[in-house]
């Protein structure tokens, strides 16, 4: 859980939807897509206006999911 958002309640994976990419539950909007909007400078308000099925909690869940994924990464230096 991150910043009070339990992404497990809002993010799901279904092999039949978008080839199994993580999506916001009940939509066909991928976490990757939402993160792309945010990284392009979209504000929460713009996302919610353009995708009215989403909630601000859904957007936060995408961020929490991304943090969880990155948190689990390990980087090792490889010397040539």
PDB file of N, CA and C in Angstrom:
ATOM      1  N   UNK A   1       0.852  -1.182   0.000  1.00  0.00           N
ATOM      2  CA  UNK A   1       0.000   0.000   0.000  1.00  0.00           C
ATOM      3  C   UNK A   1       0.893   1.238   0.000  1.00  0.00           C
ATOM      4  N   UNK A   2       0.491   2.258  -0.739  1.00  0.00           N
ATOM      5  CA  UNK A   2       1.269   3.480  -0.871  1.00  0.00           C
ATOM      6  C   UNK A   2       0.353   4.676  -0.726  1.00  0.00           C
ATOM      7  N   UNK A   3       0.715   5.579   0.175  1.00  0.00           N
ATOM      8  CA  UNK A   3      -0.029   6.828   0.372  1.00  0.00           C
ATOM      9  C   UNK A   3      -1.524   6.587   0.562  1.00  0.00           C
ATOM     10  N   UNK A   4      -1.857   5.523   1.311  1.00  0.00           N
ATOM     11  CA  UNK A   4      -3.252   5.260   1.615  1.00  0.00           C
ATOM     12  C   UNK A   4      -4.030   4.597   0.488  1.00  0.00           C
ATOM     13  N   UNK A   5      -3.360   4.249  -0.607  1.00  0.00           N
ATOM     14  CA  UNK A   5      -4.051   3.640  -1.742  1.00  0.00           C
ATOM     15  C   UNK A   5      -3.666   2.167  -1.825  1.00  0.00           C
ATOM     16  N   UNK A   6      -4.652   1.297  -1.769  1.00  0.00           N
ATOM     17  CA  UNK A   6      -4.412  -0.129  -1.952  1.00  0.00           C
ATOM     18  C   UNK A   6      -4.680  -0.461  -3.408  1.00  0.00           C
ATOM     19  N   UNK A   7      -3.612  -0.520  -4.193  1.00  0.00           N
ATOM     20  CA  UNK A   7      -3.771  -0.724  -5.631  1.00  0.00           C
ATOM     21  C   UNK A   7      -4.402  -2.071  -5.944  1.00  0.00           C
ATOM     22  N   UNK A   8      -4.284  -3.033  -5.038  1.00  0.00           N
ATOM     23  CA  UNK A   8      -4.857  -4.367  -5.268  1.00  0.00           C
ATOM     24  C   UNK A   8      -6.367  -4.317  -5.504  1.00  0.00           C
ATOM     25  N   UNK A   9      -7.021  -3.325  -4.961  1.00  0.00           N
ATOM     26  CA  UNK A   9      -8.463  -3.191  -5.119  1.00  0.00           C
ATOM     27  C   UNK A   9      -8.851  -2.570  -6.456  1.00  0.00           C
ATOM     28  N   UNK A  10      -7.896  -1.943  -7.150  1.00  0.00           N
ATOM     29  CA  UNK A  10      -8.235  -1.166  -8.343  1.00  0.00           C
ATOM     30  C   UNK A  10      -7.502  -1.595  -9.611  1.00  0.00           C
ATOM     31  N   UNK A  11      -6.401  -2.308  -9.459  1.00  0.00           N
ATOM     32  CA  UNK A  11      -5.609  -2.738 -10.615  1.00  0.00           C
ATOM     33  C   UNK A  11      -5.750  -4.249 -10.754  1.00  0.00           C
ATOM     34  N   UNK A  12      -5.970  -4.701 -11.984  1.00  0.00           N
ATOM     35  CA  UNK A  12      -6.143  -6.129 -12.224  1.00  0.00           C
ATOM     36  C   UNK A  12      -5.430  -6.533 -13.509  1.00  0.00           C
ATOM     37  N   UNK A  13      -5.222  -7.833 -13.639  1.00  0.00           N
ATOM     38  CA  UNK A  13      -4.618  -8.394 -14.845  1.00  0.00           C
ATOM     39  C   UNK A  13      -5.545  -9.496 -15.342  1.00  0.00           C
ATOM     40  N   UNK A  14      -5.904  -9.401 -16.600  1.00  0.00           N
ATOM     41  CA  UNK A  14      -6.768 -10.398 -17.230  1.00  0.00           C
ATOM     42  C   UNK A  14      -6.180 -10.678 -18.605  1.00  0.00           C
ATOM     43  N   UNK A  15      -5.752 -11.897 -18.834  1.00  0.00           N
ATOM     44  CA  UNK A  15      -5.117 -12.259 -20.106  1.00  0.00           C
ATOM     45  C   UNK A  15      -6.006 -11.956 -21.314  1.00  0.00           C
ATOM     46  N   UNK A  16      -7.316 -11.862 -21.097  1.00  0.00           N
ATOM     47  CA  UNK A  16      -8.250 -11.589 -22.202  1.00  0.00           C
ATOM     48  C   UNK A  16      -8.377 -10.106 -22.514  1.00  0.00           C
ATOM     49  N   UNK A  17      -7.817  -9.260 -21.667  1.00  0.00           N
ATOM     50  CA  UNK A  17      -7.924  -7.808 -21.856  1.00  0.00           C
ATOM     51  C   UNK A  17      -6.532  -7.223 -22.032  1.00  0.00           C
ATOM     52  N   UNK A  18      -6.303  -6.570 -23.160  1.00  0.00           N
ATOM     53  CA  UNK A  18      -5.024  -5.918 -23.474  1.00  0.00           C
ATOM     54  C   UNK A  18      -3.830  -6.847 -23.290  1.00  0.00           C
ATOM     55  N   UNK A  19      -4.008  -8.097 -23.683  1.00  0.00           N
ATOM     56  CA  UNK A  19      -2.925  -9.095 -23.641  1.00  0.00           C
ATOM     57  C   UNK A  19      -2.331  -9.260 -22.247  1.00  0.00           C
ATOM     58  N   UNK A  20      -3.138  -9.029 -21.224  1.00  0.00           N
ATOM     59  CA  UNK A  20      -2.688  -9.249 -19.856  1.00  0.00           C
ATOM     60  C   UNK A  20      -1.952  -8.099 -19.212  1.00  0.00           C
ATOM     61  N   UNK A  21      -1.977  -6.937 -19.849  1.00  0.00           N
ATOM     62  CA  UNK A  21      -1.351  -5.770 -19.204  1.00  0.00           C
ATOM     63  C   UNK A  21      -2.173  -5.377 -17.983  1.00  0.00           C
ATOM     64  N   UNK A  22      -1.538  -4.838 -16.950  1.00  0.00           N
ATOM     65  CA  UNK A  22      -2.294  -4.352 -15.799  1.00  0.00           C
ATOM     66  C   UNK A  22      -3.227  -3.219 -16.223  1.00  0.00           C
ATOM     67  N   UNK A  23      -4.483  -3.305 -15.811  1.00  0.00           N
ATOM     68  CA  UNK A  23      -5.493  -2.299 -16.165  1.00  0.00           C
ATOM     69  C   UNK A  23      -6.223  -1.838 -14.916  1.00  0.00           C
ATOM     70  N   UNK A  24      -6.903  -0.719 -15.044  1.00  0.00           N
ATOM     71  CA  UNK A  24      -7.798  -0.254 -13.989  1.00  0.00           C
ATOM     72  C   UNK A  24      -9.040  -1.134 -14.054  1.00  0.00           C
ATOM     73  N   UNK A  25      -9.360  -1.743 -12.931  1.00  0.00           N
ATOM     74  CA  UNK A  25     -10.487  -2.685 -12.849  1.00  0.00           C
ATOM     75  C   UNK A  25     -11.760  -2.070 -13.452  1.00  0.00           C
ATOM     76  N   UNK A  26     -12.435  -2.853 -14.279  1.00  0.00           N
ATOM     77  CA  UNK A  26     -13.690  -2.414 -14.875  1.00  0.00           C
ATOM     78  C   UNK A  26     -13.528  -1.551 -16.110  1.00  0.00           C
ATOM     79  N   UNK A  27     -12.283  -1.374 -16.563  1.00  0.00           N
ATOM     80  CA  UNK A  27     -12.020  -0.565 -17.758  1.00  0.00           C
ATOM     81  C   UNK A  27     -11.099  -1.336 -18.691  1.00  0.00           C
ATOM     82  N   UNK A  28     -10.809  -0.736 -19.815  1.00  0.00           N
ATOM     83  CA  UNK A  28      -9.784  -1.247 -20.716  1.00  0.00           C
ATOM     84  C   UNK A  28      -8.618  -0.253 -20.761  1.00  0.00           C
ATOM     85  N   UNK A  29      -8.465   0.512 -19.692  1.00  0.00           N
ATOM     86  CA  UNK A  29      -7.397   1.504 -19.598  1.00  0.00           C
ATOM     87  C   UNK A  29      -6.229   0.907 -18.818  1.00  0.00           C
ATOM     88  N   UNK A  30      -5.074   0.830 -19.472  1.00  0.00           N
ATOM     89  CA  UNK A  30      -3.916   0.215 -18.828  1.00  0.00           C
ATOM     90  C   UNK A  30      -3.227   1.189 -17.880  1.00  0.00           C
ATOM     91  N   UNK A  31      -2.554   0.613 -16.904  1.00  0.00           N
ATOM     92  CA  UNK A  31      -1.727   1.404 -15.997  1.00  0.00           C
ATOM     93  C   UNK A  31      -0.698   2.164 -16.820  1.00  0.00           C
ATOM     94  N   UNK A  32      -0.116   1.502 -17.803  1.00  0.00           N
ATOM     95  CA  UNK A  32       0.872   2.124 -18.675  1.00  0.00           C
ATOM     96  C   UNK A  32       0.304   3.373 -19.356  1.00  0.00           C
ATOM     97  N   UNK A  33      -0.928   3.292 -19.834  1.00  0.00           N
ATOM     98  CA  UNK A  33      -1.572   4.421 -20.495  1.00  0.00           C
ATOM     99  C   UNK A  33      -1.747   5.594 -19.534  1.00  0.00           C
ATOM    100  N   UNK A  34      -2.249   5.317 -18.339  1.00  0.00           N
ATOM    101  CA  UNK A  34      -2.466   6.377 -17.344  1.00  0.00           C
ATOM    102  C   UNK A  34      -1.139   7.012 -16.946  1.00  0.00           C
ATOM    103  N   UNK A  35      -0.115   6.190 -16.729  1.00  0.00           N
ATOM    104  CA  UNK A  35       1.203   6.728 -16.396  1.00  0.00           C
ATOM    105  C   UNK A  35       1.746   7.576 -17.539  1.00  0.00           C
ATOM    106  N   UNK A  36       1.473   7.165 -18.764  1.00  0.00           N
ATOM    107  CA  UNK A  36       1.897   7.951 -19.929  1.00  0.00           C
ATOM    108  C   UNK A  36       1.248   9.319 -19.952  1.00  0.00           C
ATOM    109  N   UNK A  37      -0.035   9.370 -19.633  1.00  0.00           N
ATOM    110  CA  UNK A  37      -0.719  10.664 -19.570  1.00  0.00           C
ATOM    111  C   UNK A  37      -0.084  11.554 -18.511  1.00  0.00           C
ATOM    112  N   UNK A  38       0.135  10.977 -17.324  1.00  0.00           N
ATOM    113  CA  UNK A  38       0.727  11.748 -16.234  1.00  0.00           C
ATOM    114  C   UNK A  38       2.126  12.232 -16.594  1.00  0.00           C
ATOM    115  N   UNK A  39       2.922  11.362 -17.211  1.00  0.00           N
ATOM    116  CA  UNK A  39       4.288  11.758 -17.557  1.00  0.00           C
ATOM    117  C   UNK A  39       4.323  12.773 -18.698  1.00  0.00           C
ATOM    118  N   UNK A  40       3.227  12.864 -19.441  1.00  0.00           N
ATOM    119  CA  UNK A  40       3.118  13.874 -20.506  1.00  0.00           C
ATOM    120  C   UNK A  40       2.601  15.200 -19.983  1.00  0.00           C
ATOM    121  N   UNK A  41       2.348  15.267 -18.681  1.00  0.00           N
ATOM    122  CA  UNK A  41       1.936  16.528 -18.083  1.00  0.00           C
ATOM    123  C   UNK A  41       0.447  16.675 -17.832  1.00  0.00           C
ATOM    124  N   UNK A  42      -0.326  15.635 -18.141  1.00  0.00           N
ATOM    125  CA  UNK A  42      -1.765  15.704 -17.873  1.00  0.00           C
ATOM    126  C   UNK A  42      -2.001  15.818 -16.368  1.00  0.00           C
ATOM    127  N   UNK A  43      -2.925  16.655 -15.999  1.00  0.00           N
ATOM    128  CA  UNK A  43      -3.356  16.795 -14.602  1.00  0.00           C
ATOM    129  C   UNK A  43      -4.473  15.787 -14.327  1.00  0.00           C
ATOM    130  N   UNK A  44      -4.649  15.459 -13.056  1.00  0.00           N
ATOM    131  CA  UNK A  44      -5.722  14.534 -12.675  1.00  0.00           C
ATOM    132  C   UNK A  44      -7.056  14.969 -13.272  1.00  0.00           C
ATOM    133  N   UNK A  45      -7.326  16.264 -13.197  1.00  0.00           N
ATOM    134  CA  UNK A  45      -8.602  16.789 -13.682  1.00  0.00           C
ATOM    135  C   UNK A  45      -8.803  16.500 -15.170  1.00  0.00           C
ATOM    136  N   UNK A  46      -7.732  16.639 -15.944  1.00  0.00           N
ATOM    137  CA  UNK A  46      -7.820  16.372 -17.380  1.00  0.00           C
ATOM    138  C   UNK A  46      -8.104  14.896 -17.645  1.00  0.00           C
ATOM    139  N   UNK A  47      -7.443  14.033 -16.905  1.00  0.00           N
ATOM    140  CA  UNK A  47      -7.656  12.596 -17.073  1.00  0.00           C
ATOM    141  C   UNK A  47      -9.095  12.241 -16.726  1.00  0.00           C
ATOM    142  N   UNK A  48      -9.574  12.745 -15.601  1.00  0.00           N
ATOM    143  CA  UNK A  48     -10.929  12.420 -15.152  1.00  0.00           C
ATOM    144  C   UNK A  48     -11.987  12.997 -16.098  1.00  0.00           C
ATOM    145  N   UNK A  49     -11.713  14.148 -16.671  1.00  0.00           N
ATOM    146  CA  UNK A  49     -12.656  14.754 -17.617  1.00  0.00           C
ATOM    147  C   UNK A  49     -12.732  13.941 -18.910  1.00  0.00           C
ATOM    148  N   UNK A  50     -11.587  13.460 -19.372  1.00  0.00           N
ATOM    149  CA  UNK A  50     -11.538  12.716 -20.620  1.00  0.00           C
ATOM    150  C   UNK A  50     -11.903  11.241 -20.459  1.00  0.00           C
ATOM    151  N   UNK A  51     -11.767  10.715 -19.273  1.00  0.00           N
ATOM    152  CA  UNK A  51     -12.081   9.314 -18.995  1.00  0.00           C
ATOM    153  C   UNK A  51     -12.966   9.261 -17.743  1.00  0.00           C
ATOM    154  N   UNK A  52     -14.241   9.610 -17.894  1.00  0.00           N
ATOM    155  CA  UNK A  52     -15.140   9.776 -16.748  1.00  0.00           C
ATOM    156  C   UNK A  52     -15.408   8.514 -15.944  1.00  0.00           C
ATOM    157  N   UNK A  53     -15.036   7.345 -16.457  1.00  0.00           N
ATOM    158  CA  UNK A  53     -15.209   6.128 -15.656  1.00  0.00           C
ATOM    159  C   UNK A  53     -14.137   6.000 -14.586  1.00  0.00           C
ATOM    160  N   UNK A  54     -13.070   6.798 -14.697  1.00  0.00           N
ATOM    161  CA  UNK A  54     -11.991   6.756 -13.710  1.00  0.00           C
ATOM    162  C   UNK A  54     -12.289   7.655 -12.526  1.00  0.00           C
ATOM    163  N   UNK A  55     -11.659   7.326 -11.413  1.00  0.00           N
ATOM    164  CA  UNK A  55     -11.709   8.170 -10.220  1.00  0.00           C
ATOM    165  C   UNK A  55     -10.291   8.605  -9.883  1.00  0.00           C
ATOM    166  N   UNK A  56     -10.165   9.594  -9.046  1.00  0.00           N
ATOM    167  CA  UNK A  56      -8.839  10.025  -8.618  1.00  0.00           C
ATOM    168  C   UNK A  56      -8.134   8.882  -7.894  1.00  0.00           C
ATOM    169  N   UNK A  57      -8.883   8.034  -7.207  1.00  0.00           N
ATOM    170  CA  UNK A  57      -8.296   6.877  -6.532  1.00  0.00           C
ATOM    171  C   UNK A  57      -7.714   5.887  -7.540  1.00  0.00           C
ATOM    172  N   UNK A  58      -8.352   5.761  -8.708  1.00  0.00           N
ATOM    173  CA  UNK A  58      -7.826   4.895  -9.764  1.00  0.00           C
ATOM    174  C   UNK A  58      -6.468   5.411 -10.250  1.00  0.00           C
ATOM    175  N   UNK A  59      -6.379   6.713 -10.443  1.00  0.00           N
ATOM    176  CA  UNK A  59      -5.125   7.318 -10.898  1.00  0.00           C
ATOM    177  C   UNK A  59      -4.048   7.102  -9.848  1.00  0.00           C
ATOM    178  N   UNK A  60      -4.381   7.309  -8.592  1.00  0.00           N
ATOM    179  CA  UNK A  60      -3.428   7.088  -7.501  1.00  0.00           C
ATOM    180  C   UNK A  60      -3.015   5.622  -7.423  1.00  0.00           C
ATOM    181  N   UNK A  61      -3.948   4.728  -7.687  1.00  0.00           N
ATOM    182  CA  UNK A  61      -3.640   3.298  -7.677  1.00  0.00           C
ATOM    183  C   UNK A  61      -2.626   2.955  -8.766  1.00  0.00           C
ATOM    184  N   UNK A  62      -2.721   3.612  -9.917  1.00  0.00           N
ATOM    185  CA  UNK A  62      -1.741   3.390 -10.983  1.00  0.00           C
ATOM    186  C   UNK A  62      -0.349   3.801 -10.517  1.00  0.00           C
ATOM    187  N   UNK A  63      -0.265   4.926  -9.842  1.00  0.00           N
ATOM    188  CA  UNK A  63       1.019   5.377  -9.312  1.00  0.00           C
ATOM    189  C   UNK A  63       1.535   4.419  -8.239  1.00  0.00           C
ATOM    190  N   UNK A  64       0.643   3.967  -7.373  1.00  0.00           N
ATOM    191  CA  UNK A  64       1.041   3.037  -6.319  1.00  0.00           C
ATOM    192  C   UNK A  64       1.517   1.714  -6.911  1.00  0.00           C
ATOM    193  N   UNK A  65       0.837   1.245  -7.942  1.00  0.00           N
ATOM    194  CA  UNK A  65       1.247   0.010  -8.618  1.00  0.00           C
ATOM    195  C   UNK A  65       2.636   0.181  -9.237  1.00  0.00           C
ATOM    196  N   UNK A  66       2.863   1.305  -9.918  1.00  0.00           N
ATOM    197  CA  UNK A  66       4.166   1.566 -10.532  1.00  0.00           C
ATOM    198  C   UNK A  66       5.261   1.606  -9.474  1.00  0.00           C
ATOM    199  N   UNK A  67       4.979   2.207  -8.353  1.00  0.00           N
ATOM    200  CA  UNK A  67       5.969   2.254  -7.281  1.00  0.00           C
ATOM    201  C   UNK A  67       6.269   0.853  -6.788  1.00  0.00           C
ATOM    202  N   UNK A  68       5.242   0.032  -6.624  1.00  0.00           N
ATOM    203  CA  UNK A  68       5.422  -1.342  -6.163  1.00  0.00           C
ATOM    204  C   UNK A  68       6.307  -2.122  -7.134  1.00  0.00           C
ATOM    205  N   UNK A  69       6.077  -1.947  -8.435  1.00  0.00           N
ATOM    206  CA  UNK A  69       6.875  -2.646  -9.447  1.00  0.00           C
ATOM    207  C   UNK A  69       8.335  -2.207  -9.363  1.00  0.00           C
ATOM    208  N   UNK A  70       8.565  -0.909  -9.306  1.00  0.00           N
ATOM    209  CA  UNK A  70       9.927  -0.383  -9.254  1.00  0.00           C
ATOM    210  C   UNK A  70      10.610  -0.770  -7.947  1.00  0.00           C
ATOM    211  N   UNK A  71       9.863  -0.774  -6.880  1.00  0.00           N
ATOM    212  CA  UNK A  71      10.399  -1.143  -5.573  1.00  0.00           C
ATOM    213  C   UNK A  71      10.991  -2.550  -5.594  1.00  0.00           C
ATOM    214  N   UNK A  72      10.396  -3.425  -6.384  1.00  0.00           N
ATOM    215  CA  UNK A  72      10.848  -4.808  -6.456  1.00  0.00           C
ATOM    216  C   UNK A  72      12.023  -5.032  -7.387  1.00  0.00           C
ATOM    217  N   UNK A  73      12.402  -4.022  -8.131  1.00  0.00           N
ATOM    218  CA  UNK A  73      13.526  -4.164  -9.062  1.00  0.00           C
ATOM    219  C   UNK A  73      14.839  -4.132  -8.315  1.00  0.00           C
ATOM    220  N   UNK A  74      15.781  -4.906  -8.808  1.00  0.00           N
ATOM    221  CA  UNK A  74      17.148  -4.871  -8.276  1.00  0.00           C
ATOM    222  C   UNK A  74      18.067  -4.593  -9.447  1.00  0.00           C
ATOM    223  N   UNK A  75      18.976  -3.681  -9.253  1.00  0.00           N
ATOM    224  CA  UNK A  75      19.907  -3.296 -10.313  1.00  0.00           C
ATOM    225  C   UNK A  75      21.306  -3.717  -9.884  1.00  0.00           C
ATOM    226  N   UNK A  76      21.970  -4.404 -10.775  1.00  0.00           N
ATOM    227  CA  UNK A  76      23.319  -4.865 -10.505  1.00  0.00           C
ATOM    228  C   UNK A  76      24.270  -4.294 -11.555  1.00  0.00           C
ATOM    229  N   UNK A  77      25.411  -3.849 -11.104  1.00  0.00           N
ATOM    230  CA  UNK A  77      26.411  -3.310 -12.030  1.00  0.00           C
ATOM    231  C   UNK A  77      27.055  -4.479 -12.769  1.00  0.00           C
ATOM    232  N   UNK A  78      27.166  -4.328 -14.067  1.00  0.00           N
ATOM    233  CA  UNK A  78      27.824  -5.332 -14.886  1.00  0.00           C
ATOM    234  C   UNK A  78      29.079  -4.687 -15.462  1.00  0.00           C
ATOM    235  N   UNK A  79      30.192  -5.273 -15.158  1.00  0.00           N
ATOM    236  CA  UNK A  79      31.461  -4.719 -15.670  1.00  0.00           C
ATOM    237  C   UNK A  79      31.899  -5.523 -16.873  1.00  0.00           C
ATOM    238  N   UNK A  80      32.352  -4.799 -17.881  1.00  0.00           N
ATOM    239  CA  UNK A  80      32.801  -5.456 -19.113  1.00  0.00           C
ATOM    240  C   UNK A  80      34.223  -5.922 -19.004  1.00  0.00           C
TER     241      UNK A  80
END
